[in-house]
Amino acid sequence: MKEYKGLVEYLAKQVVTDPDAVAVEYRSEREGLTYYVTVAQGDVGKIIGKNGRVIAAIRHYVSAALGKQRKRAFVKVITE
């Protein structure tokens, strides 16, 4: 869902030091919506967070927002 792409992008930009490098793509799959987040190489650790807490919080927030529409959401960080 396109409107939630902006939500994922906003949350990711709040965490990283280079918000201009944040890019979010989404795909509708059989299980639900999957959002792919790409950040600058130096910000990968910040978006994942210590023990994965930051990305887990983003996933939880997005899942809660989409849960109202009875859809599942997944957020994945693309590391290159």
PDB file of N, CA and C in Angstrom:
ATOM      1  N   MET A   1       0.836  -1.160   0.000  1.00  0.00           N
ATOM      2  CA  MET A   1       0.000   0.000   0.000  1.00  0.00           C
ATOM      3  C   MET A   1       0.894   1.241   0.000  1.00  0.00           C
ATOM      4  N   LYS A   2       0.628   2.064  -0.935  1.00  0.00           N
ATOM      5  CA  LYS A   2       1.499   3.208  -1.174  1.00  0.00           C
ATOM      6  C   LYS A   2       1.550   4.173   0.000  1.00  0.00           C
ATOM      7  N   GLU A   3       0.431   4.384   0.686  1.00  0.00           N
ATOM      8  CA  GLU A   3       0.422   5.347   1.790  1.00  0.00           C
ATOM      9  C   GLU A   3       1.303   4.901   2.959  1.00  0.00           C
ATOM     10  N   TYR A   4       1.498   3.615   3.114  1.00  0.00           N
ATOM     11  CA  TYR A   4       2.352   3.124   4.192  1.00  0.00           C
ATOM     12  C   TYR A   4       3.829   3.125   3.801  1.00  0.00           C
ATOM     13  N   LYS A   5       4.103   3.243   2.514  1.00  0.00           N
ATOM     14  CA  LYS A   5       5.488   3.402   2.063  1.00  0.00           C
ATOM     15  C   LYS A   5       6.067   4.680   2.658  1.00  0.00           C
ATOM     16  N   GLY A   6       5.272   5.734   2.671  1.00  0.00           N
ATOM     17  CA  GLY A   6       5.702   7.000   3.266  1.00  0.00           C
ATOM     18  C   GLY A   6       5.962   6.878   4.752  1.00  0.00           C
ATOM     19  N   LEU A   7       5.172   6.068   5.428  1.00  0.00           N
ATOM     20  CA  LEU A   7       5.377   5.826   6.859  1.00  0.00           C
ATOM     21  C   LEU A   7       6.704   5.130   7.108  1.00  0.00           C
ATOM     22  N   VAL A   8       6.990   4.098   6.335  1.00  0.00           N
ATOM     23  CA  VAL A   8       8.254   3.372   6.481  1.00  0.00           C
ATOM     24  C   VAL A   8       9.429   4.296   6.178  1.00  0.00           C
ATOM     25  N   GLU A   9       9.298   5.086   5.142  1.00  0.00           N
ATOM     26  CA  GLU A   9      10.365   6.026   4.771  1.00  0.00           C
ATOM     27  C   GLU A   9      10.582   7.060   5.874  1.00  0.00           C
ATOM     28  N   TYR A  10       9.512   7.584   6.423  1.00  0.00           N
ATOM     29  CA  TYR A  10       9.616   8.574   7.495  1.00  0.00           C
ATOM     30  C   TYR A  10      10.319   7.983   8.721  1.00  0.00           C
ATOM     31  N   LEU A  11       9.930   6.799   9.124  1.00  0.00           N
ATOM     32  CA  LEU A  11      10.544   6.171  10.296  1.00  0.00           C
ATOM     33  C   LEU A  11      12.028   5.894  10.071  1.00  0.00           C
ATOM     34  N   ALA A  12      12.379   5.437   8.869  1.00  0.00           N
ATOM     35  CA  ALA A  12      13.782   5.152   8.567  1.00  0.00           C
ATOM     36  C   ALA A  12      14.614   6.432   8.557  1.00  0.00           C
ATOM     37  N   LYS A  13      14.065   7.506   8.028  1.00  0.00           N
ATOM     38  CA  LYS A  13      14.806   8.770   7.954  1.00  0.00           C
ATOM     39  C   LYS A  13      15.068   9.367   9.329  1.00  0.00           C
ATOM     40  N   GLN A  14      14.228   9.056  10.308  1.00  0.00           N
ATOM     41  CA  GLN A  14      14.421   9.572  11.654  1.00  0.00           C
ATOM     42  C   GLN A  14      15.607   8.929  12.360  1.00  0.00           C
ATOM     43  N   VAL A  15      16.022   7.772  11.898  1.00  0.00           N
ATOM     44  CA  VAL A  15      17.064   7.000  12.585  1.00  0.00           C
ATOM     45  C   VAL A  15      18.449   7.230  11.994  1.00  0.00           C
ATOM     46  N   VAL A  16      18.531   7.418  10.695  1.00  0.00           N
ATOM     47  CA  VAL A  16      19.828   7.455  10.017  1.00  0.00           C
ATOM     48  C   VAL A  16      20.445   8.851  10.017  1.00  0.00           C
ATOM     49  N   THR A  17      21.747   8.921   9.709  1.00  0.00           N
ATOM     50  CA  THR A  17      22.433  10.206   9.639  1.00  0.00           C
ATOM     51  C   THR A  17      22.355  10.821   8.237  1.00  0.00           C
ATOM     52  N   ASP A  18      22.100   9.999   7.210  1.00  0.00           N
ATOM     53  CA  ASP A  18      21.978  10.493   5.836  1.00  0.00           C
ATOM     54  C   ASP A  18      20.565  10.185   5.319  1.00  0.00           C
ATOM     55  N   PRO A  19      19.581  11.016   5.682  1.00  0.00           N
ATOM     56  CA  PRO A  19      18.199  10.716   5.288  1.00  0.00           C
ATOM     57  C   PRO A  19      17.943  10.800   3.784  1.00  0.00           C
ATOM     58  N   ASP A  20      18.800  11.493   3.051  1.00  0.00           N
ATOM     59  CA  ASP A  20      18.615  11.592   1.604  1.00  0.00           C
ATOM     60  C   ASP A  20      18.900  10.263   0.899  1.00  0.00           C
ATOM     61  N   ALA A  21      19.644   9.379   1.538  1.00  0.00           N
ATOM     62  CA  ALA A  21      19.998   8.094   0.935  1.00  0.00           C
ATOM     63  C   ALA A  21      18.946   7.013   1.189  1.00  0.00           C
ATOM     64  N   VAL A  22      17.910   7.325   1.944  1.00  0.00           N
ATOM     65  CA  VAL A  22      16.879   6.329   2.259  1.00  0.00           C
ATOM     66  C   VAL A  22      15.968   6.137   1.054  1.00  0.00           C
ATOM     67  N   ALA A  23      15.791   4.886   0.669  1.00  0.00           N
ATOM     68  CA  ALA A  23      14.867   4.538  -0.412  1.00  0.00           C
ATOM     69  C   ALA A  23      14.030   3.351   0.042  1.00  0.00           C
ATOM     70  N   VAL A  24      12.744   3.409  -0.256  1.00  0.00           N
ATOM     71  CA  VAL A  24      11.829   2.350   0.149  1.00  0.00           C
ATOM     72  C   VAL A  24      11.051   1.875  -1.072  1.00  0.00           C
ATOM     73  N   GLU A  25      11.045   0.569  -1.262  1.00  0.00           N
ATOM     74  CA  GLU A  25      10.236  -0.054  -2.304  1.00  0.00           C
ATOM     75  C   GLU A  25       9.312  -1.046  -1.629  1.00  0.00           C
ATOM     76  N   TYR A  26       8.182  -1.309  -2.228  1.00  0.00           N
ATOM     77  CA  TYR A  26       7.287  -2.302  -1.651  1.00  0.00           C
ATOM     78  C   TYR A  26       6.753  -3.226  -2.739  1.00  0.00           C
ATOM     79  N   ARG A  27       6.473  -4.439  -2.318  1.00  0.00           N
ATOM     80  CA  ARG A  27       5.906  -5.431  -3.222  1.00  0.00           C
ATOM     81  C   ARG A  27       4.752  -6.128  -2.514  1.00  0.00           C
ATOM     82  N   SER A  28       3.709  -6.329  -3.233  1.00  0.00           N
ATOM     83  CA  SER A  28       2.588  -7.084  -2.709  1.00  0.00           C
ATOM     84  C   SER A  28       2.843  -8.555  -3.009  1.00  0.00           C
ATOM     85  N   GLU A  29       2.925  -9.338  -1.968  1.00  0.00           N
ATOM     86  CA  GLU A  29       3.196 -10.756  -2.111  1.00  0.00           C
ATOM     87  C   GLU A  29       2.051 -11.550  -1.512  1.00  0.00           C
ATOM     88  N   ARG A  30       2.140 -12.838  -1.624  1.00  0.00           N
ATOM     89  CA  ARG A  30       1.055 -13.695  -1.156  1.00  0.00           C
ATOM     90  C   ARG A  30       0.832 -13.566   0.344  1.00  0.00           C
ATOM     91  N   GLU A  31       1.916 -13.447   1.111  1.00  0.00           N
ATOM     92  CA  GLU A  31       1.800 -13.359   2.565  1.00  0.00           C
ATOM     93  C   GLU A  31       1.347 -11.986   3.031  1.00  0.00           C
ATOM     94  N   GLY A  32       1.594 -10.964   2.246  1.00  0.00           N
ATOM     95  CA  GLY A  32       1.257  -9.597   2.625  1.00  0.00           C
ATOM     96  C   GLY A  32       2.138  -8.621   1.869  1.00  0.00           C
ATOM     97  N   LEU A  33       2.348  -7.462   2.445  1.00  0.00           N
ATOM     98  CA  LEU A  33       3.189  -6.447   1.825  1.00  0.00           C
ATOM     99  C   LEU A  33       4.597  -6.514   2.403  1.00  0.00           C
ATOM    100  N   THR A  34       5.592  -6.431   1.542  1.00  0.00           N
ATOM    101  CA  THR A  34       6.975  -6.408   1.981  1.00  0.00           C
ATOM    102  C   THR A  34       7.590  -5.088   1.558  1.00  0.00           C
ATOM    103  N   TYR A  35       8.137  -4.372   2.539  1.00  0.00           N
ATOM    104  CA  TYR A  35       8.807  -3.102   2.290  1.00  0.00           C
ATOM    105  C   TYR A  35      10.309  -3.329   2.362  1.00  0.00           C
ATOM    106  N   TYR A  36      11.028  -2.937   1.320  1.00  0.00           N
ATOM    107  CA  TYR A  36      12.476  -3.079   1.250  1.00  0.00           C
ATOM    108  C   TYR A  36      13.106  -1.709   1.457  1.00  0.00           C
ATOM    109  N   VAL A  37      13.896  -1.573   2.508  1.00  0.00           N
ATOM    110  CA  VAL A  37      14.512  -0.299   2.875  1.00  0.00           C
ATOM    111  C   VAL A  37      15.998  -0.348   2.514  1.00  0.00           C
ATOM    112  N   THR A  38      16.439   0.638   1.763  1.00  0.00           N
ATOM    113  CA  THR A  38      17.847   0.780   1.413  1.00  0.00           C
ATOM    114  C   THR A  38      18.352   2.067   2.049  1.00  0.00           C
ATOM    115  N   VAL A  39      19.480   1.972   2.755  1.00  0.00           N
ATOM    116  CA  VAL A  39      20.087   3.145   3.389  1.00  0.00           C
ATOM    117  C   VAL A  39      21.546   3.218   2.982  1.00  0.00           C
ATOM    118  N   ALA A  40      22.211   4.299   3.357  1.00  0.00           N
ATOM    119  CA  ALA A  40      23.642   4.448   3.076  1.00  0.00           C
ATOM    120  C   ALA A  40      24.415   3.359   3.821  1.00  0.00           C
ATOM    121  N   GLN A  41      25.563   3.000   3.276  1.00  0.00           N
ATOM    122  CA  GLN A  41      26.365   1.912   3.856  1.00  0.00           C
ATOM    123  C   GLN A  41      26.678   2.157   5.331  1.00  0.00           C
ATOM    124  N   GLY A  42      26.956   3.385   5.716  1.00  0.00           N
ATOM    125  CA  GLY A  42      27.296   3.693   7.099  1.00  0.00           C
ATOM    126  C   GLY A  42      26.103   3.690   8.047  1.00  0.00           C
ATOM    127  N   ASP A  43      24.893   3.670   7.507  1.00  0.00           N
ATOM    128  CA  ASP A  43      23.689   3.717   8.329  1.00  0.00           C
ATOM    129  C   ASP A  43      23.017   2.355   8.523  1.00  0.00           C
ATOM    130  N   VAL A  44      23.578   1.314   7.956  1.00  0.00           N
ATOM    131  CA  VAL A  44      22.955  -0.008   8.078  1.00  0.00           C
ATOM    132  C   VAL A  44      22.874  -0.425   9.541  1.00  0.00           C
ATOM    133  N   GLY A  45      23.935  -0.200  10.288  1.00  0.00           N
ATOM    134  CA  GLY A  45      23.938  -0.554  11.710  1.00  0.00           C
ATOM    135  C   GLY A  45      22.932   0.258  12.510  1.00  0.00           C
ATOM    136  N   LYS A  46      22.727   1.508  12.116  1.00  0.00           N
ATOM    137  CA  LYS A  46      21.773   2.349  12.846  1.00  0.00           C
ATOM    138  C   LYS A  46      20.335   1.929  12.591  1.00  0.00           C
ATOM    139  N   ILE A  47      20.023   1.543  11.366  1.00  0.00           N
ATOM    140  CA  ILE A  47      18.659   1.146  11.058  1.00  0.00           C
ATOM    141  C   ILE A  47      18.327  -0.213  11.664  1.00  0.00           C
ATOM    142  N   ILE A  48      19.327  -1.075  11.779  1.00  0.00           N
ATOM    143  CA  ILE A  48      19.096  -2.379  12.413  1.00  0.00           C
ATOM    144  C   ILE A  48      19.064  -2.215  13.927  1.00  0.00           C
ATOM    145  N   GLY A  49      19.998  -1.452  14.466  1.00  0.00           N
ATOM    146  CA  GLY A  49      20.018  -1.199  15.903  1.00  0.00           C
ATOM    147  C   GLY A  49      20.688  -2.316  16.684  1.00  0.00           C
ATOM    148  N   LYS A  50      20.898  -2.061  17.944  1.00  0.00           N
ATOM    149  CA  LYS A  50      21.538  -3.040  18.815  1.00  0.00           C
ATOM    150  C   LYS A  50      20.591  -4.222  19.012  1.00  0.00           C
ATOM    151  N   ASN A  51      21.077  -5.392  18.676  1.00  0.00           N
ATOM    152  CA  ASN A  51      20.289  -6.633  18.744  1.00  0.00           C
ATOM    153  C   ASN A  51      19.017  -6.564  17.895  1.00  0.00           C
ATOM    154  N   GLY A  52      19.005  -5.709  16.875  1.00  0.00           N
ATOM    155  CA  GLY A  52      17.867  -5.614  15.975  1.00  0.00           C
ATOM    156  C   GLY A  52      16.661  -4.893  16.535  1.00  0.00           C
ATOM    157  N   ARG A  53      16.861  -4.113  17.566  1.00  0.00           N
ATOM    158  CA  ARG A  53      15.726  -3.462  18.233  1.00  0.00           C
ATOM    159  C   ARG A  53      15.079  -2.359  17.403  1.00  0.00           C
ATOM    160  N   VAL A  54      15.868  -1.595  16.665  1.00  0.00           N
ATOM    161  CA  VAL A  54      15.309  -0.484  15.896  1.00  0.00           C
ATOM    162  C   VAL A  54      14.445  -1.015  14.752  1.00  0.00           C
ATOM    163  N   ILE A  55      14.964  -1.959  13.983  1.00  0.00           N
ATOM    164  CA  ILE A  55      14.178  -2.502  12.872  1.00  0.00           C
ATOM    165  C   ILE A  55      12.973  -3.269  13.401  1.00  0.00           C
ATOM    166  N   ALA A  56      13.099  -3.900  14.548  1.00  0.00           N
ATOM    167  CA  ALA A  56      11.955  -4.597  15.149  1.00  0.00           C
ATOM    168  C   ALA A  56      10.857  -3.611  15.537  1.00  0.00           C
ATOM    169  N   ALA A  57      11.250  -2.456  16.037  1.00  0.00           N
ATOM    170  CA  ALA A  57      10.268  -1.436  16.401  1.00  0.00           C
ATOM    171  C   ALA A  57       9.570  -0.891  15.158  1.00  0.00           C
ATOM    172  N   ILE A  58      10.327  -0.676  14.089  1.00  0.00           N
ATOM    173  CA  ILE A  58       9.734  -0.201  12.841  1.00  0.00           C
ATOM    174  C   ILE A  58       8.765  -1.247  12.295  1.00  0.00           C
ATOM    175  N   ARG A  59       9.170  -2.511  12.320  1.00  0.00           N
ATOM    176  CA  ARG A  59       8.289  -3.592  11.855  1.00  0.00           C
ATOM    177  C   ARG A  59       7.005  -3.647  12.673  1.00  0.00           C
ATOM    178  N   HIS A  60       7.143  -3.518  13.973  1.00  0.00           N
ATOM    179  CA  HIS A  60       5.979  -3.573  14.856  1.00  0.00           C
ATOM    180  C   HIS A  60       5.010  -2.427  14.555  1.00  0.00           C
ATOM    181  N   TYR A  61       5.544  -1.242  14.370  1.00  0.00           N
ATOM    182  CA  TYR A  61       4.723  -0.061  14.099  1.00  0.00           C
ATOM    183  C   TYR A  61       3.980  -0.188  12.773  1.00  0.00           C
ATOM    184  N   VAL A  62       4.684  -0.634  11.740  1.00  0.00           N
ATOM    185  CA  VAL A  62       4.078  -0.778  10.421  1.00  0.00           C
ATOM    186  C   VAL A  62       3.052  -1.915  10.427  1.00  0.00           C
ATOM    187  N   SER A  63       3.365  -3.008  11.108  1.00  0.00           N
ATOM    188  CA  SER A  63       2.410  -4.117  11.204  1.00  0.00           C
ATOM    189  C   SER A  63       1.140  -3.696  11.922  1.00  0.00           C
ATOM    190  N   ALA A  64       1.287  -2.893  12.953  1.00  0.00           N
ATOM    191  CA  ALA A  64       0.114  -2.407  13.683  1.00  0.00           C
ATOM    192  C   ALA A  64      -0.733  -1.498  12.799  1.00  0.00           C
ATOM    193  N   ALA A  65      -0.093  -0.659  12.013  1.00  0.00           N
ATOM    194  CA  ALA A  65      -0.834   0.249  11.135  1.00  0.00           C
ATOM    195  C   ALA A  65      -1.587  -0.526  10.056  1.00  0.00           C
ATOM    196  N   LEU A  66      -0.965  -1.548   9.492  1.00  0.00           N
ATOM    197  CA  LEU A  66      -1.616  -2.339   8.451  1.00  0.00           C
ATOM    198  C   LEU A  66      -2.580  -3.371   9.026  1.00  0.00           C
ATOM    199  N   GLY A  67      -2.437  -3.689  10.287  1.00  0.00           N
ATOM    200  CA  GLY A  67      -3.312  -4.668  10.916  1.00  0.00           C
ATOM    201  C   GLY A  67      -4.763  -4.234  10.924  1.00  0.00           C
ATOM    202  N   LYS A  68      -4.993  -2.946  10.918  1.00  0.00           N
ATOM    203  CA  LYS A  68      -6.359  -2.432  10.876  1.00  0.00           C
ATOM    204  C   LYS A  68      -7.059  -2.821   9.575  1.00  0.00           C
ATOM    205  N   GLN A  69      -6.276  -3.048   8.534  1.00  0.00           N
ATOM    206  CA  GLN A  69      -6.834  -3.440   7.243  1.00  0.00           C
ATOM    207  C   GLN A  69      -6.714  -4.940   7.011  1.00  0.00           C
ATOM    208  N   ARG A  70      -6.360  -5.660   8.060  1.00  0.00           N
ATOM    209  CA  ARG A  70      -6.229  -7.119   8.008  1.00  0.00           C
ATOM    210  C   ARG A  70      -5.195  -7.576   6.985  1.00  0.00           C
ATOM    211  N   LYS A  71      -4.084  -6.853   6.936  1.00  0.00           N
ATOM    212  CA  LYS A  71      -2.988  -7.220   6.048  1.00  0.00           C
ATOM    213  C   LYS A  71      -1.725  -7.395   6.874  1.00  0.00           C
ATOM    214  N   ARG A  72      -0.832  -8.239   6.407  1.00  0.00           N
ATOM    215  CA  ARG A  72       0.442  -8.437   7.078  1.00  0.00           C
ATOM    216  C   ARG A  72       1.501  -7.592   6.389  1.00  0.00           C
ATOM    217  N   ALA A  73       2.430  -7.095   7.196  1.00  0.00           N
ATOM    218  CA  ALA A  73       3.496  -6.252   6.655  1.00  0.00           C
ATOM    219  C   ALA A  73       4.849  -6.779   7.116  1.00  0.00           C
ATOM    220  N   PHE A  74       5.803  -6.725   6.231  1.00  0.00           N
ATOM    221  CA  PHE A  74       7.171  -7.120   6.519  1.00  0.00           C
ATOM    222  C   PHE A  74       8.085  -5.979   6.098  1.00  0.00           C
ATOM    223  N   VAL A  75       9.113  -5.711   6.880  1.00  0.00           N
ATOM    224  CA  VAL A  75      10.086  -4.673   6.567  1.00  0.00           C
ATOM    225  C   VAL A  75      11.457  -5.339   6.545  1.00  0.00           C
ATOM    226  N   LYS A  76      12.151  -5.217   5.421  1.00  0.00           N
ATOM    227  CA  LYS A  76      13.470  -5.816   5.274  1.00  0.00           C
ATOM    228  C   LYS A  76      14.472  -4.736   4.897  1.00  0.00           C
ATOM    229  N   VAL A  77      15.667  -4.835   5.470  1.00  0.00           N
ATOM    230  CA  VAL A  77      16.741  -3.898   5.161  1.00  0.00           C
ATOM    231  C   VAL A  77      17.637  -4.534   4.108  1.00  0.00           C
ATOM    232  N   ILE A  78      17.879  -3.825   3.037  1.00  0.00           N
ATOM    233  CA  ILE A  78      18.751  -4.296   1.975  1.00  0.00           C
ATOM    234  C   ILE A  78      20.178  -3.882   2.313  1.00  0.00           C
ATOM    235  N   THR A  79      21.051  -4.854   2.480  1.00  0.00           N
ATOM    236  CA  THR A  79      22.463  -4.572   2.752  1.00  0.00           C
ATOM    237  C   THR A  79      23.278  -4.978   1.525  1.00  0.00           C
ATOM    238  N   GLU A  80      24.164  -4.106   1.128  1.00  0.00           N
ATOM    239  CA  GLU A  80      24.969  -4.388  -0.060  1.00  0.00           C
ATOM    240  C   GLU A  80      26.425  -4.461   0.277  1.00  0.00           C
TER     241      GLU A  80
END
